[in-house]
Structures are given as C-alpha cells and as structure tokens.
C-alpha cells in the first residue's frame, strides 16, 4: 500500500517568554518505567497507528490528540521530535471486513487510511515524519525474525512462528493473570495448544486459503500482530537495518 503523511500544518509561533519569563517547565510523563522528564533535546516518539478497516472514532481522536500535545509541548520548550507512526494494513479485522463488503483488502485499507488522514488534518494533528504501512516493512520483518531465530527465541506451531518470552517474564510490569487477560482481549491467543507460554506472541502466520501472503525466509505467509511495530520503530527511530 502506497501512502504518504497527511498535509503539513501551519504552526504559529507561541510567545513563550510573554507568559513564562523563566521558560516552560520540562515535560514530566508517568510511563511504564516510572516518571520521566523530557527536556529540550531530541525525542523519539513512536505512535501505533490504525488498522484501516473502519471509520476513525473518538478513541482514535483521544489517542492522537494526546500525542500531538506531547509533540507540540516538546517543540515549545525547544526540543526536536522525531515522530513515526505505522499503519497495520494487513490484519484479521481488515481481511474480515473486506470479505464481508465484497471489496479487496487493499481498496478498503486505502479508503480508511484516506479517511483517517482527513480526520487528523481536521483535528490539526501534526503529521509524522514517517507514516509506514506494515506491508512496506516485510523485508524488515523477515530479517528481524531471522535474527531472533539465531538467538533461540523462535519456535513453530503448525507452520506459525512464535516468540518465546520466558527470559523476559521477570520484567513483566503487571501481574501475570492480568497480562494474560489483556493479551487475550487485544488479539493474542494465550490458550493455543502447543504454546510454551500464554504470553508468547505470534511473529509469522503460515499462509491460509483466501488470505494474502508474502514470500519470506520463513515460508509464504504474513506477519503476526505487532512484529511490524517493532521493526518499523527500530528502523525509523534508531536506524537499525538488520
């Protein structure tokens, strides 16, 4: 899917010194790693984008306006924000809605991305520096899975590839049972037979009849949700090429 960020916006100068003679205070955010302070330096910001199968809604507006406020505030205190956002343009909800409506998943995806962009423009959300669809990151996904295989983190169930999270569980920031519940609610499959741990995420789906697929070092298929977010953020925010 070929997409571009939505149109650039005019951002008027804000006379900070007229209202804050001593300058704006640093931005403090409560994150999963505790309270963090962001000052006038380079900040890397990755925002998970939409799965384009239906119209955007108030929940989307809340998310993207929140990060837009962070973006604007860091700029106001003299910082530089490198903002990257993905589009999950290949996933079950998109495929299911396209089949229901009798159109191609590519056409539905483009329609909804254009609607999303028009909504973000209407809300005056600053566009990302890179707006990257998952389908444009297949080479990155392929290479990343190969690296994880080499390090012993990948195993297979009926052609599908999973990431073994066991060595990372001591750092789980929430109780195990709560994590499993959230994982199940948000597209995970904690109770699939054969998994080493309920929280192991799928990296690569083996091809299923009627679904699109891509050739890779791991067979014909498509990425699991959300390996593309990982590789896009690493590539476009940290410059990792695998």
C-alpha atoms as a PDB file:
ATOM      1  CA  UNK A   1       0.000   0.000   0.000  1.00  0.00           C
ATOM      2  CA  UNK A   2       1.491   3.345  -1.076  1.00  0.00           C
ATOM      3  CA  UNK A   3       0.619   6.128   1.374  1.00  0.00           C
ATOM      4  CA  UNK A   4       2.032   9.499   2.368  1.00  0.00           C
ATOM      5  CA  UNK A   5       1.594  11.526   5.573  1.00  0.00           C
ATOM      6  CA  UNK A   6      -1.288  13.969   5.669  1.00  0.00           C
ATOM      7  CA  UNK A   7      -0.607  17.605   4.702  1.00  0.00           C
ATOM      8  CA  UNK A   8       1.785  19.640   6.815  1.00  0.00           C
ATOM      9  CA  UNK A   9       0.148  22.130   9.157  1.00  0.00           C
ATOM     10  CA  UNK A  10       0.911  25.748   9.881  1.00  0.00           C
ATOM     11  CA  UNK A  11       2.072  26.034  13.486  1.00  0.00           C
ATOM     12  CA  UNK A  12       2.007  29.634  14.761  1.00  0.00           C
ATOM     13  CA  UNK A  13       4.790  30.876  16.986  1.00  0.00           C
ATOM     14  CA  UNK A  14       3.837  30.953  20.636  1.00  0.00           C
ATOM     15  CA  UNK A  15       5.410  33.824  22.605  1.00  0.00           C
ATOM     16  CA  UNK A  16       6.549  31.634  25.475  1.00  0.00           C
ATOM     17  CA  UNK A  17       8.556  34.402  27.126  1.00  0.00           C
ATOM     18  CA  UNK A  18       5.451  36.630  27.391  1.00  0.00           C
ATOM     19  CA  UNK A  19       3.724  34.084  29.601  1.00  0.00           C
ATOM     20  CA  UNK A  20       6.651  32.172  31.099  1.00  0.00           C
ATOM     21  CA  UNK A  21       9.587  34.577  31.642  1.00  0.00           C
ATOM     22  CA  UNK A  22      11.677  31.738  33.045  1.00  0.00           C
ATOM     23  CA  UNK A  23      10.743  29.364  30.252  1.00  0.00           C
ATOM     24  CA  UNK A  24       8.300  26.482  30.143  1.00  0.00           C
ATOM     25  CA  UNK A  25       8.876  23.713  32.671  1.00  0.00           C
ATOM     26  CA  UNK A  26      10.170  20.366  31.402  1.00  0.00           C
ATOM     27  CA  UNK A  27       7.534  17.833  30.436  1.00  0.00           C
ATOM     28  CA  UNK A  28       7.034  15.071  33.013  1.00  0.00           C
ATOM     29  CA  UNK A  29       5.196  11.889  31.987  1.00  0.00           C
ATOM     30  CA  UNK A  30       4.263   8.848  34.045  1.00  0.00           C
ATOM     31  CA  UNK A  31       5.407   5.877  31.925  1.00  0.00           C
ATOM     32  CA  UNK A  32       5.660   2.117  32.455  1.00  0.00           C
ATOM     33  CA  UNK A  33       9.213   2.762  33.651  1.00  0.00           C
ATOM     34  CA  UNK A  34       8.101   5.406  36.131  1.00  0.00           C
ATOM     35  CA  UNK A  35       8.060   9.195  35.978  1.00  0.00           C
ATOM     36  CA  UNK A  36      10.280  10.534  33.202  1.00  0.00           C
ATOM     37  CA  UNK A  37      11.300  14.082  32.363  1.00  0.00           C
ATOM     38  CA  UNK A  38      11.568  15.326  28.776  1.00  0.00           C
ATOM     39  CA  UNK A  39      13.589  18.485  28.156  1.00  0.00           C
ATOM     40  CA  UNK A  40      14.573  20.492  25.101  1.00  0.00           C
ATOM     41  CA  UNK A  41      16.539  17.727  23.389  1.00  0.00           C
ATOM     42  CA  UNK A  42      15.882  15.227  20.643  1.00  0.00           C
ATOM     43  CA  UNK A  43      12.929  12.975  21.477  1.00  0.00           C
ATOM     44  CA  UNK A  44      11.929   9.852  19.568  1.00  0.00           C
ATOM     45  CA  UNK A  45       8.174   9.234  19.520  1.00  0.00           C
ATOM     46  CA  UNK A  46       6.506   6.177  18.016  1.00  0.00           C
ATOM     47  CA  UNK A  47       2.700   6.092  17.922  1.00  0.00           C
ATOM     48  CA  UNK A  48       0.895   2.908  16.935  1.00  0.00           C
ATOM     49  CA  UNK A  49      -1.411   3.710  14.026  1.00  0.00           C
ATOM     50  CA  UNK A  50      -4.775   2.338  12.950  1.00  0.00           C
ATOM     51  CA  UNK A  51      -5.821  -0.948  11.417  1.00  0.00           C
ATOM     52  CA  UNK A  52      -7.725   0.620   8.484  1.00  0.00           C
ATOM     53  CA  UNK A  53     -10.914  -1.436   8.364  1.00  0.00           C
ATOM     54  CA  UNK A  54     -13.473   1.105   9.611  1.00  0.00           C
ATOM     55  CA  UNK A  55     -14.005   4.793  10.337  1.00  0.00           C
ATOM     56  CA  UNK A  56     -11.924   6.555  12.943  1.00  0.00           C
ATOM     57  CA  UNK A  57     -13.721   7.356  16.208  1.00  0.00           C
ATOM     58  CA  UNK A  58     -13.429   9.365  19.407  1.00  0.00           C
ATOM     59  CA  UNK A  59     -10.990   6.875  20.896  1.00  0.00           C
ATOM     60  CA  UNK A  60      -8.630   7.489  17.987  1.00  0.00           C
ATOM     61  CA  UNK A  61      -9.058  11.245  18.411  1.00  0.00           C
ATOM     62  CA  UNK A  62      -8.178  10.977  22.113  1.00  0.00           C
ATOM     63  CA  UNK A  63      -5.034   8.955  21.396  1.00  0.00           C
ATOM     64  CA  UNK A  64      -3.654  11.063  18.583  1.00  0.00           C
ATOM     65  CA  UNK A  65      -4.517  14.415  20.182  1.00  0.00           C
ATOM     66  CA  UNK A  66      -2.729  13.313  23.356  1.00  0.00           C
ATOM     67  CA  UNK A  67       0.477  12.505  21.490  1.00  0.00           C
ATOM     68  CA  UNK A  68       0.083  15.644  19.393  1.00  0.00           C
ATOM     69  CA  UNK A  69       0.026  17.673  22.617  1.00  0.00           C
ATOM     70  CA  UNK A  70       3.247  15.961  23.723  1.00  0.00           C
ATOM     71  CA  UNK A  71       4.767  16.660  20.313  1.00  0.00           C
ATOM     72  CA  UNK A  72       3.833  20.346  20.460  1.00  0.00           C
ATOM     73  CA  UNK A  73       4.951  20.831  24.056  1.00  0.00           C
ATOM     74  CA  UNK A  74       8.404  19.361  23.462  1.00  0.00           C
ATOM     75  CA  UNK A  75       8.752  21.644  20.425  1.00  0.00           C
ATOM     76  CA  UNK A  76       7.628  24.609  22.537  1.00  0.00           C
ATOM     77  CA  UNK A  77      10.413  24.031  25.072  1.00  0.00           C
ATOM     78  CA  UNK A  78      12.957  23.936  22.277  1.00  0.00           C
ATOM     79  CA  UNK A  79      13.086  20.202  21.663  1.00  0.00           C
ATOM     80  CA  UNK A  80      13.134  18.258  18.428  1.00  0.00           C
ATOM     81  CA  UNK A  81      10.685  15.374  17.971  1.00  0.00           C
ATOM     82  CA  UNK A  82      11.259  12.512  15.542  1.00  0.00           C
ATOM     83  CA  UNK A  83       7.725  11.178  15.114  1.00  0.00           C
ATOM     84  CA  UNK A  84       6.989   7.836  13.440  1.00  0.00           C
ATOM     85  CA  UNK A  85       3.619   6.141  13.012  1.00  0.00           C
ATOM     86  CA  UNK A  86       2.641   2.865  11.395  1.00  0.00           C
ATOM     87  CA  UNK A  87      -0.488   1.598   9.657  1.00  0.00           C
ATOM     88  CA  UNK A  88      -1.424  -2.038  10.262  1.00  0.00           C
ATOM     89  CA  UNK A  89      -2.677  -2.569   6.737  1.00  0.00           C
ATOM     90  CA  UNK A  90      -2.674  -6.358   6.970  1.00  0.00           C
ATOM     91  CA  UNK A  91      -4.554  -7.950   9.882  1.00  0.00           C
ATOM     92  CA  UNK A  92      -7.636 -10.081  10.593  1.00  0.00           C
ATOM     93  CA  UNK A  93     -10.176  -7.232  11.056  1.00  0.00           C
ATOM     94  CA  UNK A  94      -9.234  -5.712   7.693  1.00  0.00           C
ATOM     95  CA  UNK A  95      -9.428  -9.052   5.871  1.00  0.00           C
ATOM     96  CA  UNK A  96     -12.748  -9.963   7.522  1.00  0.00           C
ATOM     97  CA  UNK A  97     -14.385  -6.588   6.765  1.00  0.00           C
ATOM     98  CA  UNK A  98     -13.174  -6.636   3.154  1.00  0.00           C
ATOM     99  CA  UNK A  99     -14.614 -10.133   2.651  1.00  0.00           C
ATOM    100  CA  UNK A 100     -17.911  -9.067   4.229  1.00  0.00           C
ATOM    101  CA  UNK A 101     -18.209  -5.997   1.999  1.00  0.00           C
ATOM    102  CA  UNK A 102     -17.065  -7.759  -1.148  1.00  0.00           C
ATOM    103  CA  UNK A 103     -14.089  -5.495  -1.905  1.00  0.00           C
ATOM    104  CA  UNK A 104     -10.347  -6.064  -1.909  1.00  0.00           C
ATOM    105  CA  UNK A 105      -8.500  -5.576   1.355  1.00  0.00           C
ATOM    106  CA  UNK A 106      -6.170  -3.126  -0.423  1.00  0.00           C
ATOM    107  CA  UNK A 107      -9.077  -0.931  -1.555  1.00  0.00           C
ATOM    108  CA  UNK A 108     -10.693  -0.948   1.874  1.00  0.00           C
ATOM    109  CA  UNK A 109      -7.382  -0.146   3.518  1.00  0.00           C
ATOM    110  CA  UNK A 110      -6.697   2.824   1.252  1.00  0.00           C
ATOM    111  CA  UNK A 111     -10.215   4.190   1.767  1.00  0.00           C
ATOM    112  CA  UNK A 112      -9.881   4.087   5.530  1.00  0.00           C
ATOM    113  CA  UNK A 113      -6.338   5.479   5.581  1.00  0.00           C
ATOM    114  CA  UNK A 114      -7.509   8.456   3.498  1.00  0.00           C
ATOM    115  CA  UNK A 115     -10.416   8.968   5.904  1.00  0.00           C
ATOM    116  CA  UNK A 116      -8.038   8.778   8.863  1.00  0.00           C
ATOM    117  CA  UNK A 117      -5.718  11.333   7.287  1.00  0.00           C
ATOM    118  CA  UNK A 118      -8.600  13.712   6.611  1.00  0.00           C
ATOM    119  CA  UNK A 119      -9.746  13.356  10.236  1.00  0.00           C
ATOM    120  CA  UNK A 120      -6.225  14.030  11.549  1.00  0.00           C
ATOM    121  CA  UNK A 121      -5.968  17.076   9.292  1.00  0.00           C
ATOM    122  CA  UNK A 122      -9.318  18.367  10.583  1.00  0.00           C
ATOM    123  CA  UNK A 123      -8.048  17.915  14.146  1.00  0.00           C
ATOM    124  CA  UNK A 124      -4.815  19.764  13.255  1.00  0.00           C
ATOM    125  CA  UNK A 125      -2.657  16.819  14.329  1.00  0.00           C
ATOM    126  CA  UNK A 126       0.931  17.309  13.199  1.00  0.00           C
ATOM    127  CA  UNK A 127       1.772  14.544  10.680  1.00  0.00           C
ATOM    128  CA  UNK A 128       4.546  12.049  11.418  1.00  0.00           C
ATOM    129  CA  UNK A 129       7.947  12.287   9.824  1.00  0.00           C
ATOM    130  CA  UNK A 130       7.411   8.709   8.597  1.00  0.00           C
ATOM    131  CA  UNK A 131       3.960   7.136   8.100  1.00  0.00           C
ATOM    132  CA  UNK A 132       4.755   3.493   7.358  1.00  0.00           C
ATOM    133  CA  UNK A 133       2.342   0.693   6.342  1.00  0.00           C
ATOM    134  CA  UNK A 134       3.093  -2.802   7.603  1.00  0.00           C
ATOM    135  CA  UNK A 135       3.091  -4.094   4.014  1.00  0.00           C
ATOM    136  CA  UNK A 136       6.113  -1.871   3.307  1.00  0.00           C
ATOM    137  CA  UNK A 137       8.098  -3.480   6.116  1.00  0.00           C
ATOM    138  CA  UNK A 138       8.111  -7.138   5.015  1.00  0.00           C
ATOM    139  CA  UNK A 139      11.873  -7.237   4.425  1.00  0.00           C
ATOM    140  CA  UNK A 140      12.466  -5.785   7.892  1.00  0.00           C
ATOM    141  CA  UNK A 141      10.094  -8.336   9.449  1.00  0.00           C
ATOM    142  CA  UNK A 142      11.817 -11.200   7.611  1.00  0.00           C
ATOM    143  CA  UNK A 143      15.279 -10.120   8.753  1.00  0.00           C
ATOM    144  CA  UNK A 144      14.202  -9.484  12.355  1.00  0.00           C
ATOM    145  CA  UNK A 145      12.639 -12.941  12.692  1.00  0.00           C
ATOM    146  CA  UNK A 146      15.807 -14.483  11.263  1.00  0.00           C
ATOM    147  CA  UNK A 147      17.870 -12.698  13.920  1.00  0.00           C
ATOM    148  CA  UNK A 148      15.533 -13.878  16.675  1.00  0.00           C
ATOM    149  CA  UNK A 149      15.775 -17.451  15.353  1.00  0.00           C
ATOM    150  CA  UNK A 150      19.564 -17.283  15.515  1.00  0.00           C
ATOM    151  CA  UNK A 151      19.322 -16.282  19.165  1.00  0.00           C
ATOM    152  CA  UNK A 152      16.938 -19.103  20.080  1.00  0.00           C
ATOM    153  CA  UNK A 153      13.796 -17.040  20.701  1.00  0.00           C
ATOM    154  CA  UNK A 154      11.582 -18.553  17.968  1.00  0.00           C
ATOM    155  CA  UNK A 155       9.611 -21.813  17.823  1.00  0.00           C
ATOM    156  CA  UNK A 156       6.984 -23.219  15.479  1.00  0.00           C
ATOM    157  CA  UNK A 157       3.414 -24.473  15.850  1.00  0.00           C
ATOM    158  CA  UNK A 158       1.851 -25.865  12.658  1.00  0.00           C
ATOM    159  CA  UNK A 159       3.889 -23.517  10.495  1.00  0.00           C
ATOM    160  CA  UNK A 160       3.226 -20.427  12.625  1.00  0.00           C
ATOM    161  CA  UNK A 161       6.222 -18.849  14.364  1.00  0.00           C
ATOM    162  CA  UNK A 162       6.108 -17.648  17.967  1.00  0.00           C
ATOM    163  CA  UNK A 163       8.449 -15.599  20.161  1.00  0.00           C
ATOM    164  CA  UNK A 164       9.474 -17.255  23.445  1.00  0.00           C
ATOM    165  CA  UNK A 165       9.027 -14.626  26.183  1.00  0.00           C
ATOM    166  CA  UNK A 166      10.221 -16.784  29.090  1.00  0.00           C
ATOM    167  CA  UNK A 167      13.518 -14.945  29.630  1.00  0.00           C
ATOM    168  CA  UNK A 168      11.687 -11.597  29.760  1.00  0.00           C
ATOM    169  CA  UNK A 169       8.938 -12.543  32.243  1.00  0.00           C
ATOM    170  CA  UNK A 170      10.836 -11.329  35.352  1.00  0.00           C
ATOM    171  CA  UNK A 171      10.458  -7.801  33.924  1.00  0.00           C
ATOM    172  CA  UNK A 172       6.691  -8.058  33.400  1.00  0.00           C
ATOM    173  CA  UNK A 173       5.328  -4.734  34.760  1.00  0.00           C
ATOM    174  CA  UNK A 174       1.856  -6.082  35.694  1.00  0.00           C
ATOM    175  CA  UNK A 175       0.567  -9.295  37.347  1.00  0.00           C
ATOM    176  CA  UNK A 176       0.717 -12.390  35.138  1.00  0.00           C
ATOM    177  CA  UNK A 177      -3.032 -13.108  35.143  1.00  0.00           C
ATOM    178  CA  UNK A 178      -3.822  -9.505  34.230  1.00  0.00           C
ATOM    179  CA  UNK A 179      -1.311  -9.644  31.380  1.00  0.00           C
ATOM    180  CA  UNK A 180      -2.900 -12.827  30.006  1.00  0.00           C
ATOM    181  CA  UNK A 181      -6.361 -11.247  30.161  1.00  0.00           C
ATOM    182  CA  UNK A 182      -5.213  -8.112  28.318  1.00  0.00           C
ATOM    183  CA  UNK A 183      -3.303 -10.208  25.774  1.00  0.00           C
ATOM    184  CA  UNK A 184      -6.458 -12.198  25.047  1.00  0.00           C
ATOM    185  CA  UNK A 185      -8.579  -9.058  24.663  1.00  0.00           C
ATOM    186  CA  UNK A 186      -6.131  -7.403  22.282  1.00  0.00           C
ATOM    187  CA  UNK A 187      -5.639 -10.015  19.593  1.00  0.00           C
ATOM    188  CA  UNK A 188      -3.467 -12.555  21.414  1.00  0.00           C
ATOM    189  CA  UNK A 189      -4.044 -16.312  21.602  1.00  0.00           C
ATOM    190  CA  UNK A 190      -2.879 -17.253  25.120  1.00  0.00           C
ATOM    191  CA  UNK A 191      -4.620 -20.621  25.170  1.00  0.00           C
ATOM    192  CA  UNK A 192      -3.461 -22.088  21.873  1.00  0.00           C
ATOM    193  CA  UNK A 193      -2.323 -25.686  22.321  1.00  0.00           C
ATOM    194  CA  UNK A 194       1.411 -26.118  21.900  1.00  0.00           C
ATOM    195  CA  UNK A 195       2.498 -22.684  23.098  1.00  0.00           C
ATOM    196  CA  UNK A 196       5.359 -22.615  25.572  1.00  0.00           C
ATOM    197  CA  UNK A 197       3.829 -19.699  27.477  1.00  0.00           C
ATOM    198  CA  UNK A 198       0.419 -17.997  27.206  1.00  0.00           C
ATOM    199  CA  UNK A 199       2.041 -14.607  26.518  1.00  0.00           C
ATOM    200  CA  UNK A 200       4.170 -15.770  23.582  1.00  0.00           C
ATOM    201  CA  UNK A 201       3.196 -13.575  20.588  1.00  0.00           C
ATOM    202  CA  UNK A 202       2.983 -14.811  17.008  1.00  0.00           C
ATOM    203  CA  UNK A 203       5.675 -13.476  14.688  1.00  0.00           C
ATOM    204  CA  UNK A 204       4.652 -15.060  11.389  1.00  0.00           C
ATOM    205  CA  UNK A 205       1.416 -16.707  10.261  1.00  0.00           C
ATOM    206  CA  UNK A 206       1.662 -19.559   7.775  1.00  0.00           C
ATOM    207  CA  UNK A 207      -0.488 -18.905   4.710  1.00  0.00           C
ATOM    208  CA  UNK A 208      -4.216 -19.639   4.950  1.00  0.00           C
ATOM    209  CA  UNK A 209      -6.532 -20.146   1.977  1.00  0.00           C
ATOM    210  CA  UNK A 210      -8.179 -16.926   0.851  1.00  0.00           C
ATOM    211  CA  UNK A 211      -5.650 -14.666   2.604  1.00  0.00           C
ATOM    212  CA  UNK A 212      -2.835 -12.610   1.083  1.00  0.00           C
ATOM    213  CA  UNK A 213       0.717 -13.685   1.717  1.00  0.00           C
ATOM    214  CA  UNK A 214       4.338 -12.776   1.129  1.00  0.00           C
ATOM    215  CA  UNK A 215       7.404 -14.842   0.384  1.00  0.00           C
ATOM    216  CA  UNK A 216       9.933 -14.890   3.177  1.00  0.00           C
ATOM    217  CA  UNK A 217      12.773 -16.882   4.670  1.00  0.00           C
ATOM    218  CA  UNK A 218      10.133 -18.440   6.941  1.00  0.00           C
ATOM    219  CA  UNK A 219       7.714 -19.613   4.271  1.00  0.00           C
ATOM    220  CA  UNK A 220       4.804 -17.986   2.472  1.00  0.00           C
ATOM    221  CA  UNK A 221       2.580 -16.092   4.900  1.00  0.00           C
ATOM    222  CA  UNK A 222       2.190 -12.773   6.694  1.00  0.00           C
ATOM    223  CA  UNK A 223       3.405 -11.021   9.859  1.00  0.00           C
ATOM    224  CA  UNK A 224       1.862 -11.557  13.242  1.00  0.00           C
ATOM    225  CA  UNK A 225       0.494  -8.622  15.197  1.00  0.00           C
ATOM    226  CA  UNK A 226       2.609  -6.496  16.117  1.00  0.00           C
ATOM    227  CA  UNK A 227       6.040  -7.506  14.853  1.00  0.00           C
ATOM    228  CA  UNK A 228       5.765  -4.708  12.252  1.00  0.00           C
ATOM    229  CA  UNK A 229       5.567  -2.051  15.002  1.00  0.00           C
ATOM    230  CA  UNK A 230       8.816  -3.349  16.467  1.00  0.00           C
ATOM    231  CA  UNK A 231      10.773  -3.340  13.215  1.00  0.00           C
ATOM    232  CA  UNK A 232       9.366  -0.008  11.977  1.00  0.00           C
ATOM    233  CA  UNK A 233      10.217   1.746  15.243  1.00  0.00           C
ATOM    234  CA  UNK A 234      13.727   0.270  15.317  1.00  0.00           C
ATOM    235  CA  UNK A 235      14.379   1.148  11.676  1.00  0.00           C
ATOM    236  CA  UNK A 236      12.931   4.659  11.528  1.00  0.00           C
ATOM    237  CA  UNK A 237      13.749   5.851  15.045  1.00  0.00           C
ATOM    238  CA  UNK A 238      17.031   4.062  15.702  1.00  0.00           C
ATOM    239  CA  UNK A 239      18.289   3.410  12.175  1.00  0.00           C
ATOM    240  CA  UNK A 240      18.659  -0.343  12.588  1.00  0.00           C
ATOM    241  CA  UNK A 241      18.843  -2.116   9.225  1.00  0.00           C
ATOM    242  CA  UNK A 242      19.161  -5.709  10.425  1.00  0.00           C
END
